[in-house]
């Protein structure tokens, strides 16, 4: 699917398997990050580079947070499984 997006006042046509509306939201996010960085009077290449690094840093923090939460859920599920197994009468098999 081809979707038209605008970043830093320039229009781009992007082909993607993703939903066009999702791509528009991502483009708006990237544009806002670049505008944030551009307030510091950098050239466009530096603005793009710093914005990309900031976005990558946010993504990495989010990825680590989600991984930590998934680890917590795995531990909780294992604990619940052990409690359930202990609660079953001896000799009964689980389905």
N, C-alpha and C. Protein backbone atom coordinates (compact mmCIF):
# COMPACT_ATOMS: atom_id res chain seq x y z
N UNK A 1 0.83 -1.16 0.00
CA UNK A 1 0.00 0.00 0.00
C UNK A 1 0.89 1.24 0.00
N UNK A 2 0.57 2.21 -0.82
CA UNK A 2 1.32 3.47 -0.87
C UNK A 2 0.62 4.49 0.02
N UNK A 3 1.40 5.16 0.84
CA UNK A 3 0.87 6.17 1.76
C UNK A 3 1.71 7.42 1.65
N UNK A 4 1.06 8.56 1.64
CA UNK A 4 1.76 9.83 1.59
C UNK A 4 1.95 10.34 3.02
N UNK A 5 3.20 10.67 3.37
CA UNK A 5 3.50 11.20 4.70
C UNK A 5 4.27 12.51 4.54
N UNK A 6 4.27 13.31 5.59
CA UNK A 6 5.01 14.57 5.58
C UNK A 6 5.93 14.62 6.79
N UNK A 7 7.20 14.85 6.52
CA UNK A 7 8.19 15.00 7.58
C UNK A 7 9.03 16.23 7.26
N UNK A 8 9.09 17.15 8.24
CA UNK A 8 9.86 18.41 8.09
C UNK A 8 9.42 19.17 6.85
N UNK A 9 8.11 19.16 6.56
CA UNK A 9 7.56 19.92 5.45
C UNK A 9 7.72 19.28 4.09
N UNK A 10 8.33 18.13 4.02
CA UNK A 10 8.51 17.44 2.74
C UNK A 10 7.58 16.24 2.68
N UNK A 11 6.95 16.07 1.51
CA UNK A 11 6.06 14.93 1.33
C UNK A 11 6.82 13.76 0.74
N UNK A 12 6.49 12.57 1.26
CA UNK A 12 7.08 11.33 0.78
C UNK A 12 5.96 10.34 0.53
N UNK A 13 6.12 9.55 -0.50
CA UNK A 13 5.21 8.44 -0.72
C UNK A 13 5.96 7.18 -0.32
N UNK A 14 5.37 6.47 0.64
CA UNK A 14 6.02 5.30 1.22
C UNK A 14 5.16 4.09 0.94
N UNK A 15 5.77 3.03 0.48
CA UNK A 15 5.06 1.77 0.27
C UNK A 15 5.34 0.87 1.47
N UNK A 16 4.25 0.30 2.00
CA UNK A 16 4.39 -0.52 3.19
C UNK A 16 3.23 -1.50 3.28
N UNK A 17 3.47 -2.60 3.99
CA UNK A 17 2.40 -3.56 4.27
C UNK A 17 1.57 -3.09 5.47
N UNK A 18 2.10 -2.10 6.21
CA UNK A 18 1.40 -1.58 7.38
C UNK A 18 0.21 -0.74 6.97
N UNK A 19 -0.71 -0.56 7.91
CA UNK A 19 -1.87 0.29 7.72
C UNK A 19 -1.40 1.73 7.49
N UNK A 20 -2.00 2.41 6.52
CA UNK A 20 -1.64 3.78 6.21
C UNK A 20 -1.80 4.72 7.38
N UNK A 21 -2.84 4.51 8.19
CA UNK A 21 -3.08 5.37 9.35
C UNK A 21 -1.96 5.19 10.38
N UNK A 22 -1.53 3.95 10.59
CA UNK A 22 -0.42 3.70 11.52
C UNK A 22 0.85 4.40 11.03
N UNK A 23 1.11 4.31 9.74
CA UNK A 23 2.28 4.95 9.17
C UNK A 23 2.22 6.47 9.31
N UNK A 24 1.03 7.04 9.18
CA UNK A 24 0.84 8.47 9.37
C UNK A 24 1.20 8.86 10.80
N UNK A 25 0.77 8.06 11.77
CA UNK A 25 1.06 8.34 13.17
C UNK A 25 2.56 8.26 13.45
N UNK A 26 3.21 7.27 12.87
CA UNK A 26 4.66 7.13 13.03
C UNK A 26 5.37 8.34 12.41
N UNK A 27 4.94 8.75 11.23
CA UNK A 27 5.54 9.91 10.56
C UNK A 27 5.37 11.16 11.40
N UNK A 28 4.19 11.35 12.00
CA UNK A 28 3.96 12.51 12.86
C UNK A 28 4.89 12.47 14.07
N UNK A 29 5.10 11.29 14.62
CA UNK A 29 5.99 11.14 15.77
C UNK A 29 7.42 11.49 15.39
N UNK A 30 7.88 10.96 14.26
CA UNK A 30 9.24 11.26 13.78
C UNK A 30 9.37 12.76 13.51
N UNK A 31 8.36 13.35 12.87
CA UNK A 31 8.38 14.78 12.58
C UNK A 31 8.47 15.60 13.87
N UNK A 32 7.70 15.21 14.88
CA UNK A 32 7.75 15.96 16.15
C UNK A 32 9.11 15.83 16.83
N UNK A 33 9.70 14.63 16.76
CA UNK A 33 11.03 14.44 17.35
C UNK A 33 12.08 15.28 16.62
N UNK A 34 11.96 15.32 15.30
CA UNK A 34 12.91 16.11 14.52
C UNK A 34 12.72 17.60 14.79
N UNK A 35 11.48 18.05 14.94
CA UNK A 35 11.21 19.46 15.25
C UNK A 35 11.79 19.82 16.62
N UNK A 36 11.68 18.89 17.56
CA UNK A 36 12.23 19.09 18.90
C UNK A 36 13.74 19.31 18.83
N UNK A 37 14.42 18.47 18.06
CA UNK A 37 15.87 18.57 17.92
C UNK A 37 16.26 19.81 17.12
N UNK A 38 15.46 20.17 16.13
CA UNK A 38 15.78 21.29 15.24
C UNK A 38 15.80 22.62 15.98
N UNK A 39 15.16 22.71 17.13
CA UNK A 39 15.17 23.95 17.91
C UNK A 39 16.59 24.34 18.33
N UNK A 40 17.51 23.38 18.26
CA UNK A 40 18.90 23.64 18.66
C UNK A 40 19.75 24.11 17.49
N UNK A 41 19.16 24.46 16.37
CA UNK A 41 19.85 25.03 15.20
C UNK A 41 20.88 24.11 14.57
N UNK A 42 20.56 22.84 14.45
CA UNK A 42 21.43 21.92 13.74
C UNK A 42 21.04 21.87 12.27
N UNK A 43 21.97 21.40 11.42
CA UNK A 43 21.62 21.17 10.02
C UNK A 43 20.69 19.95 9.95
N UNK A 44 20.01 19.78 8.81
CA UNK A 44 18.99 18.73 8.68
C UNK A 44 19.55 17.32 8.90
N UNK A 45 20.76 17.07 8.44
CA UNK A 45 21.35 15.74 8.63
C UNK A 45 21.53 15.46 10.13
N UNK A 46 22.06 16.43 10.86
CA UNK A 46 22.28 16.26 12.29
C UNK A 46 20.95 16.12 13.03
N UNK A 47 19.94 16.91 12.60
CA UNK A 47 18.61 16.79 13.20
C UNK A 47 18.09 15.37 13.03
N UNK A 48 18.20 14.83 11.82
CA UNK A 48 17.73 13.47 11.55
C UNK A 48 18.50 12.45 12.37
N UNK A 49 19.80 12.61 12.45
CA UNK A 49 20.64 11.68 13.19
C UNK A 49 20.32 11.70 14.68
N UNK A 50 20.23 12.88 15.27
CA UNK A 50 19.95 12.98 16.70
C UNK A 50 18.54 12.48 17.01
N UNK A 51 17.57 12.83 16.15
CA UNK A 51 16.20 12.33 16.35
C UNK A 51 16.17 10.81 16.27
N UNK A 52 16.89 10.23 15.32
CA UNK A 52 16.94 8.77 15.19
C UNK A 52 17.56 8.13 16.45
N UNK A 53 18.61 8.74 16.96
CA UNK A 53 19.23 8.22 18.18
C UNK A 53 18.29 8.32 19.37
N UNK A 54 17.56 9.44 19.48
CA UNK A 54 16.60 9.60 20.57
C UNK A 54 15.49 8.57 20.48
N UNK A 55 14.97 8.35 19.28
CA UNK A 55 13.89 7.37 19.08
C UNK A 55 14.40 5.97 19.38
N UNK A 56 15.61 5.66 18.92
CA UNK A 56 16.19 4.33 19.18
C UNK A 56 16.40 4.13 20.68
N UNK A 57 16.81 5.17 21.39
CA UNK A 57 17.00 5.08 22.83
C UNK A 57 15.67 4.83 23.54
N UNK A 58 14.62 5.55 23.13
CA UNK A 58 13.28 5.33 23.69
C UNK A 58 12.83 3.90 23.45
N UNK A 59 13.04 3.43 22.23
CA UNK A 59 12.65 2.06 21.88
C UNK A 59 13.40 1.05 22.75
N UNK A 60 14.69 1.25 22.93
CA UNK A 60 15.49 0.31 23.70
C UNK A 60 15.03 0.28 25.16
N UNK A 61 14.75 1.46 25.75
CA UNK A 61 14.23 1.50 27.12
C UNK A 61 12.90 0.76 27.22
N UNK A 62 12.02 1.00 26.25
CA UNK A 62 10.72 0.34 26.23
C UNK A 62 10.89 -1.17 26.08
N UNK A 63 11.78 -1.60 25.18
CA UNK A 63 12.01 -3.03 24.96
C UNK A 63 12.52 -3.70 26.23
N UNK A 64 13.45 -3.05 26.93
CA UNK A 64 13.97 -3.61 28.17
C UNK A 64 12.90 -3.66 29.26
N UNK A 65 12.05 -2.63 29.32
CA UNK A 65 10.97 -2.60 30.31
C UNK A 65 9.97 -3.74 30.04
N UNK A 66 9.62 -3.92 28.78
CA UNK A 66 8.68 -4.99 28.43
C UNK A 66 9.29 -6.35 28.72
N UNK A 67 10.57 -6.52 28.39
CA UNK A 67 11.24 -7.80 28.66
C UNK A 67 11.24 -8.09 30.16
N UNK A 68 11.48 -7.07 30.97
CA UNK A 68 11.46 -7.24 32.42
C UNK A 68 10.08 -7.64 32.92
N UNK A 69 9.06 -6.99 32.37
CA UNK A 69 7.69 -7.32 32.77
C UNK A 69 7.32 -8.74 32.34
N UNK A 70 7.77 -9.15 31.16
CA UNK A 70 7.50 -10.52 30.70
C UNK A 70 8.19 -11.53 31.60
N UNK A 71 9.42 -11.22 32.03
CA UNK A 71 10.12 -12.10 32.96
C UNK A 71 9.34 -12.23 34.26
N UNK A 72 8.81 -11.09 34.76
CA UNK A 72 8.01 -11.11 35.98
C UNK A 72 6.77 -11.99 35.80
N UNK A 73 6.10 -11.85 34.64
CA UNK A 73 4.91 -12.65 34.37
C UNK A 73 5.25 -14.14 34.29
N UNK A 74 6.39 -14.46 33.68
CA UNK A 74 6.83 -15.86 33.61
C UNK A 74 7.03 -16.43 35.00
N UNK A 75 7.67 -15.66 35.89
CA UNK A 75 7.91 -16.12 37.27
C UNK A 75 6.58 -16.30 38.00
N UNK A 76 5.66 -15.34 37.82
CA UNK A 76 4.35 -15.45 38.47
C UNK A 76 3.57 -16.65 37.95
N UNK A 77 3.62 -16.89 36.65
CA UNK A 77 2.92 -18.04 36.06
C UNK A 77 3.50 -19.35 36.59
N UNK A 78 4.82 -19.40 36.72
CA UNK A 78 5.46 -20.61 37.25
C UNK A 78 5.05 -20.82 38.71
N UNK A 79 4.96 -19.74 39.47
CA UNK A 79 4.56 -19.85 40.88
C UNK A 79 3.11 -20.34 40.98
N UNK A 80 2.23 -19.79 40.14
CA UNK A 80 0.83 -20.22 40.15
C UNK A 80 0.74 -21.68 39.73
N UNK A 81 1.52 -22.07 38.74
CA UNK A 81 1.54 -23.47 38.30
C UNK A 81 1.98 -24.39 39.42
N UNK A 82 2.99 -23.98 40.17
CA UNK A 82 3.47 -24.81 41.29
C UNK A 82 2.42 -24.91 42.38
N UNK A 83 1.72 -23.81 42.65
CA UNK A 83 0.66 -23.83 43.67
C UNK A 83 -0.47 -24.75 43.23
N UNK A 84 -0.87 -24.66 41.97
CA UNK A 84 -1.94 -25.52 41.46
C UNK A 84 -1.53 -26.98 41.49
N UNK A 85 -0.30 -27.24 41.10
CA UNK A 85 0.19 -28.62 41.10
C UNK A 85 0.21 -29.17 42.52
N UNK A 86 0.61 -28.35 43.48
CA UNK A 86 0.67 -28.79 44.88
C UNK A 86 -0.74 -29.01 45.43
N UNK A 87 -1.72 -28.28 44.88
CA UNK A 87 -3.10 -28.40 45.39
C UNK A 87 -3.81 -29.64 44.86
N UNK A 88 -3.30 -30.22 43.78
CA UNK A 88 -3.94 -31.42 43.21
C UNK A 88 -3.68 -32.62 44.13
N UNK A 89 -4.69 -33.43 44.31
CA UNK A 89 -4.46 -34.65 45.11
C UNK A 89 -3.41 -35.52 44.45
N UNK A 90 -2.66 -36.24 45.26
CA UNK A 90 -1.61 -37.11 44.72
C UNK A 90 -2.20 -38.13 43.78
N UNK A 91 -1.49 -38.40 42.72
CA UNK A 91 -1.91 -39.41 41.77
C UNK A 91 -2.80 -38.87 40.67
N UNK A 92 -3.35 -37.67 40.81
CA UNK A 92 -4.19 -37.11 39.73
C UNK A 92 -3.28 -36.50 38.70
N UNK A 93 -3.60 -36.76 37.46
CA UNK A 93 -2.80 -36.22 36.38
C UNK A 93 -3.46 -34.95 35.86
N UNK A 94 -2.63 -34.06 35.37
CA UNK A 94 -3.16 -32.83 34.78
C UNK A 94 -3.61 -33.11 33.37
N UNK A 95 -4.61 -32.38 32.93
CA UNK A 95 -5.12 -32.55 31.57
C UNK A 95 -4.23 -31.88 30.58
